[in-house]
Amino acid sequence: MLVVLGLWWTLTSGCGLIDPNRFPDPAETWAALQQILTPGYAGGTLVQQAWASTRLVLLGFAVAVTTGVPLGALMGLSRRAESLLNPAFLLLRPIPPLAWIPLAVVWLGLGDGAKILVIWIAAFVPCVINTWTGVRGADLTLVAAARVHGADPVRVLLEVILPGALPMIFTGLRLSLQACWTTLVAAELVGTLYGLGRVLDSAYRDVNPAMILVAMVTVGLLGAATTRLIAALERGLTPWQV
C-alpha cells in the first residue's frame, strides 16, 4: 500500500504525468474526503451514505442466503427436486442482475424494495450453486457409516452432510457478498436519496474525480470488511479446517 501511495503521489503531484482532471492527486482526494465527512455531499455525510449502502447490501444478502442456501441444499439432496428446479434456474441464471432493474422499478417502485430485489438476484445464484455442489459432494462413506450406526435422515443431514458442505457454502457466501457490493452502485443509481451510488452519480455530474475516488475506495473498504466478517464466521463454524 505504501508503494501504491508513493506511485500515486509521484505520477500526479510529483511529476505531473497524469492530468488532475482525469485522476485526482492525494491532496484533492483528502480535501474531498474532508468535505464529505463534515459538511456532507450529495445530501449526506460519508457515514450516512455508507450506512445506507451497507443496509441495502445486508438486506439483499440476508434474503439471498435464506432463499439460496435451502434451495441449493434441496437440489443437492433430491434428484427429483433438481430435475424440477434446475431447468428454470439455468434459464434465469445467464440474465445479468442489472437487466432486472427496469422490472424491479415497475414492480416495486423507486424505493428500497427494488434495489434489494436487484441485489438479491445478484447474490442468489452463487448461494444456490455452491450449496448444491457442497451437498452433492458429501462423503458417501461417512453418510453410510452414520446410517449403519442408526442415525436417522435428519441427523445425517445436520451432523454429516451440512458440516461437510460448509466450506463450499461459505465460498458461495463470499461470492454472493461480493456480488452484492458490485451490484449495489448500479441499483442505487435508480432514484435514491442516500448511498454511495448517489455520491458517485453526483460526483460524475459535477465532474469531481476526487469525490468519485473517495466513494470507490469506501465501497472497496466496506466490501473487504464484510468479507472478513464472513471469514471469521466460517472459522468459528468450521474449527476442523486448517
Protein backbone atom coordinates (compact mmCIF):
# COMPACT_ATOMS: atom_id res chain seq x y z
CA MET A 1 0.00 0.00 0.00
CA LEU A 2 2.87 2.39 0.72
CA VAL A 3 4.32 1.70 -2.72
CA VAL A 4 0.94 2.38 -4.34
CA LEU A 5 0.55 5.64 -2.42
CA GLY A 6 4.08 6.66 -3.37
CA LEU A 7 3.45 5.99 -7.05
CA TRP A 8 0.15 7.86 -6.85
CA TRP A 9 1.84 10.97 -5.44
CA THR A 10 4.76 10.72 -7.86
CA LEU A 11 2.62 10.40 -11.00
CA THR A 12 0.18 13.15 -10.01
CA SER A 13 1.63 15.81 -7.69
CA GLY A 14 5.32 14.94 -8.06
CA CYS A 15 5.86 14.70 -11.81
CA GLY A 16 2.50 15.78 -13.15
CA LEU A 17 2.41 12.92 -15.63
CA ILE A 18 -1.33 12.39 -15.03
CA ASP A 19 -3.79 15.18 -15.69
CA PRO A 20 -5.60 16.03 -12.40
CA ASN A 21 -8.85 16.36 -14.37
CA ARG A 22 -8.58 12.67 -15.22
CA PHE A 23 -7.22 11.30 -11.93
CA PRO A 24 -7.03 13.32 -8.69
CA ASP A 25 -3.88 13.78 -6.67
CA PRO A 26 -3.68 12.88 -2.94
CA ALA A 27 -4.31 16.47 -1.81
CA GLU A 28 -7.52 16.77 -3.84
CA THR A 29 -8.71 13.38 -2.60
CA TRP A 30 -8.01 14.35 1.01
CA ALA A 31 -9.98 17.57 0.52
CA ALA A 32 -12.89 15.62 -0.97
CA LEU A 33 -12.80 13.22 1.98
CA GLN A 34 -12.92 16.10 4.45
CA GLN A 35 -15.81 17.64 2.54
CA ILE A 36 -17.98 14.51 2.64
CA LEU A 37 -17.05 13.75 6.25
CA THR A 38 -18.23 17.02 7.77
CA PRO A 39 -20.42 19.26 5.58
CA GLY A 40 -21.51 16.27 3.52
CA TYR A 41 -22.02 15.67 -0.18
CA ALA A 42 -24.99 14.56 -2.30
CA GLY A 43 -27.38 15.02 0.61
CA GLY A 44 -25.45 13.37 3.44
CA THR A 45 -22.17 12.75 5.20
CA LEU A 46 -19.93 9.79 4.44
CA VAL A 47 -21.27 7.89 7.45
CA GLN A 48 -24.87 8.38 6.31
CA GLN A 49 -24.11 7.41 2.72
CA ALA A 50 -22.06 4.37 3.74
CA TRP A 51 -24.71 3.15 6.18
CA ALA A 52 -27.47 3.48 3.57
CA SER A 53 -25.46 1.34 1.14
CA THR A 54 -24.40 -1.20 3.77
CA ARG A 55 -28.01 -1.59 4.91
CA LEU A 56 -29.16 -2.41 1.38
CA VAL A 57 -26.32 -4.91 0.93
CA LEU A 58 -27.05 -6.66 4.21
CA LEU A 59 -30.78 -6.90 3.47
CA GLY A 60 -30.23 -8.24 -0.05
CA PHE A 61 -27.57 -10.64 1.19
CA ALA A 62 -29.80 -11.91 4.01
CA VAL A 63 -32.64 -12.62 1.58
CA ALA A 64 -30.23 -14.39 -0.78
CA VAL A 65 -28.85 -16.60 1.99
CA THR A 66 -32.25 -17.53 3.42
CA THR A 67 -33.55 -18.49 -0.03
CA GLY A 68 -30.46 -19.68 -1.91
CA VAL A 69 -28.90 -21.97 0.69
CA PRO A 70 -32.09 -24.03 1.36
CA LEU A 71 -32.81 -24.27 -2.37
CA GLY A 72 -29.26 -25.41 -3.11
CA ALA A 73 -29.44 -27.96 -0.30
CA LEU A 74 -32.78 -29.27 -1.60
CA MET A 75 -31.40 -29.66 -5.11
CA GLY A 76 -28.30 -31.38 -3.75
CA LEU A 77 -30.29 -33.83 -1.63
CA SER A 78 -33.06 -34.69 -4.09
CA ARG A 79 -32.58 -35.69 -7.72
CA ARG A 80 -36.29 -35.08 -8.26
CA ALA A 81 -36.06 -31.52 -6.94
CA GLU A 82 -33.01 -30.95 -9.12
CA SER A 83 -34.80 -32.17 -12.23
CA LEU A 84 -37.79 -29.92 -11.48
CA LEU A 85 -35.94 -26.74 -10.49
CA ASN A 86 -32.72 -26.86 -12.47
CA PRO A 87 -34.24 -26.04 -15.92
CA ALA A 88 -35.81 -22.82 -14.63
CA PHE A 89 -32.65 -21.98 -12.71
CA LEU A 90 -30.48 -22.49 -15.81
CA LEU A 91 -32.83 -20.28 -17.82
CA LEU A 92 -32.68 -17.38 -15.36
CA ARG A 93 -29.00 -17.72 -14.43
CA PRO A 94 -27.46 -16.12 -17.59
CA ILE A 95 -29.58 -12.94 -17.26
CA PRO A 96 -27.39 -10.15 -15.81
CA PRO A 97 -28.70 -8.79 -12.49
CA LEU A 98 -28.70 -5.24 -13.85
CA ALA A 99 -31.12 -6.30 -16.58
CA TRP A 100 -33.73 -6.74 -13.83
CA ILE A 101 -33.62 -3.06 -12.81
CA PRO A 102 -36.44 -1.89 -15.14
CA LEU A 103 -38.74 -4.70 -13.99
CA ALA A 104 -37.79 -4.13 -10.35
CA VAL A 105 -38.77 -0.47 -10.66
CA VAL A 106 -42.06 -1.38 -12.38
CA TRP A 107 -42.89 -3.96 -9.70
CA LEU A 108 -41.67 -2.19 -6.57
CA GLY A 109 -41.24 1.47 -7.47
CA LEU A 110 -38.20 3.60 -6.67
CA GLY A 111 -37.94 2.61 -3.00
CA ASP A 112 -35.54 0.24 -1.30
CA GLY A 113 -37.56 -2.81 -2.36
CA ALA A 114 -36.45 -2.55 -6.00
CA LYS A 115 -32.79 -2.17 -5.00
CA ILE A 116 -32.96 -5.12 -2.60
CA LEU A 117 -34.54 -7.24 -5.33
CA VAL A 118 -31.68 -6.50 -7.76
CA ILE A 119 -29.05 -7.18 -5.09
CA TRP A 120 -30.82 -10.42 -4.14
CA ILE A 121 -30.81 -11.62 -7.76
CA ALA A 122 -27.06 -10.98 -7.98
CA ALA A 123 -26.31 -12.83 -4.71
CA PHE A 124 -28.81 -15.66 -5.13
CA VAL A 125 -27.00 -17.62 -7.85
CA PRO A 126 -23.66 -18.18 -6.02
CA CYS A 127 -25.53 -19.27 -2.89
CA VAL A 128 -27.50 -21.89 -4.79
CA ILE A 129 -24.63 -23.24 -6.90
CA ASN A 130 -22.09 -23.60 -4.10
CA THR A 131 -24.58 -25.09 -1.62
CA TRP A 132 -25.75 -27.52 -4.29
CA THR A 133 -22.15 -28.52 -5.07
CA GLY A 134 -21.22 -28.87 -1.40
CA VAL A 135 -24.21 -31.05 -0.51
CA ARG A 136 -23.85 -33.18 -3.63
CA GLY A 137 -20.16 -33.71 -2.83
CA ALA A 138 -20.82 -35.15 0.65
CA ASP A 139 -18.58 -38.06 1.63
CA LEU A 140 -20.72 -41.11 0.91
CA THR A 141 -18.59 -43.27 3.21
CA LEU A 142 -19.38 -41.05 6.18
CA VAL A 143 -23.06 -40.96 5.24
CA ALA A 144 -23.17 -44.76 5.07
CA ALA A 145 -21.31 -45.08 8.38
CA ALA A 146 -23.78 -42.74 10.10
CA ARG A 147 -26.72 -44.74 8.77
CA VAL A 148 -25.17 -48.03 9.87
CA HIS A 149 -24.84 -46.64 13.40
CA GLY A 150 -28.53 -45.78 13.50
CA ALA A 151 -28.62 -42.11 12.51
CA ASP A 152 -31.97 -41.05 11.08
CA PRO A 153 -32.10 -38.87 7.91
CA VAL A 154 -32.34 -35.63 9.89
CA ARG A 155 -29.21 -36.43 11.93
CA VAL A 156 -27.36 -37.47 8.78
CA LEU A 157 -28.24 -34.15 7.21
CA LEU A 158 -27.40 -31.99 10.24
CA GLU A 159 -24.33 -33.85 11.50
CA VAL A 160 -22.71 -35.25 8.35
CA ILE A 161 -23.87 -33.66 5.10
CA LEU A 162 -24.18 -29.99 6.10
CA PRO A 163 -20.91 -29.83 8.10
CA GLY A 164 -19.13 -31.39 5.14
CA ALA A 165 -20.73 -28.88 2.79
CA LEU A 166 -19.95 -25.81 4.92
CA PRO A 167 -16.66 -24.90 3.17
CA MET A 168 -18.39 -24.79 -0.21
CA ILE A 169 -21.37 -22.95 1.28
CA PHE A 170 -19.11 -20.26 2.72
CA THR A 171 -17.33 -19.94 -0.61
CA GLY A 172 -20.74 -19.21 -2.10
CA LEU A 173 -21.48 -16.69 0.67
CA ARG A 174 -18.27 -14.78 -0.04
CA LEU A 175 -19.03 -14.71 -3.77
CA SER A 176 -22.58 -13.60 -3.03
CA LEU A 177 -21.39 -10.79 -0.80
CA GLN A 178 -19.01 -9.56 -3.48
CA ALA A 179 -21.86 -9.68 -6.00
CA CYS A 180 -23.97 -7.57 -3.62
CA TRP A 181 -21.37 -4.82 -3.49
CA THR A 182 -20.68 -4.86 -7.24
CA THR A 183 -24.41 -4.58 -7.98
CA LEU A 184 -25.15 -2.02 -5.27
CA VAL A 185 -23.88 1.06 -7.09
CA ALA A 186 -25.94 0.40 -10.22
CA ALA A 187 -29.01 -0.35 -8.10
CA GLU A 188 -28.57 2.92 -6.18
CA LEU A 189 -28.42 4.96 -9.37
CA VAL A 190 -32.19 4.50 -9.65
CA GLY A 191 -33.94 7.12 -7.52
CA THR A 192 -32.17 7.01 -4.17
CA LEU A 193 -31.74 9.76 -1.57
CA TYR A 194 -28.69 8.32 0.19
CA GLY A 195 -25.96 5.88 -0.69
CA LEU A 196 -22.54 5.61 -2.24
CA GLY A 197 -24.13 5.12 -5.65
CA ARG A 198 -25.75 8.53 -5.29
CA VAL A 199 -22.37 10.01 -4.33
CA LEU A 200 -20.80 8.51 -7.46
CA ASP A 201 -23.60 9.78 -9.66
CA SER A 202 -23.47 13.29 -8.20
CA ALA A 203 -19.66 13.40 -8.44
CA TYR A 204 -19.86 12.28 -12.06
CA ARG A 205 -22.35 15.05 -12.86
CA ASP A 206 -20.18 17.61 -11.00
CA VAL A 207 -17.02 16.35 -12.79
CA ASN A 208 -15.43 15.71 -9.39
CA PRO A 209 -12.94 12.83 -9.84
CA ALA A 210 -11.63 13.18 -6.28
CA MET A 211 -15.09 12.51 -4.83
CA ILE A 212 -15.55 9.60 -7.24
CA LEU A 213 -12.32 8.09 -5.91
CA VAL A 214 -13.41 8.59 -2.28
CA ALA A 215 -16.69 6.78 -2.95
CA MET A 216 -14.94 3.95 -4.82
CA VAL A 217 -12.41 3.41 -2.03
CA THR A 218 -15.23 3.44 0.55
CA VAL A 219 -17.08 0.70 -1.35
CA GLY A 220 -13.86 -1.33 -1.50
CA LEU A 221 -13.19 -0.96 2.23
CA LEU A 222 -16.74 -1.88 3.19
CA GLY A 223 -16.64 -4.90 0.88
CA ALA A 224 -13.34 -6.06 2.38
CA ALA A 225 -14.63 -5.57 5.95
CA THR A 226 -17.81 -7.58 5.38
CA THR A 227 -15.85 -10.33 3.62
CA ARG A 228 -13.59 -10.59 6.67
CA LEU A 229 -16.66 -10.96 8.88
CA ILE A 230 -17.80 -13.90 6.73
CA ALA A 231 -14.31 -15.42 7.00
CA ALA A 232 -14.38 -15.06 10.81
CA LEU A 233 -17.80 -16.72 10.94
CA GLU A 234 -16.51 -19.56 8.80
CA ARG A 235 -13.54 -20.13 11.11
CA GLY A 236 -15.90 -20.27 14.08
CA LEU A 237 -18.26 -22.78 12.45
CA THR A 238 -15.59 -24.97 10.84
CA PRO A 239 -12.87 -25.27 13.50
CA TRP A 240 -11.64 -28.55 11.99
CA GLN A 241 -10.31 -26.71 8.94
CA VAL A 242 -6.73 -25.51 8.98
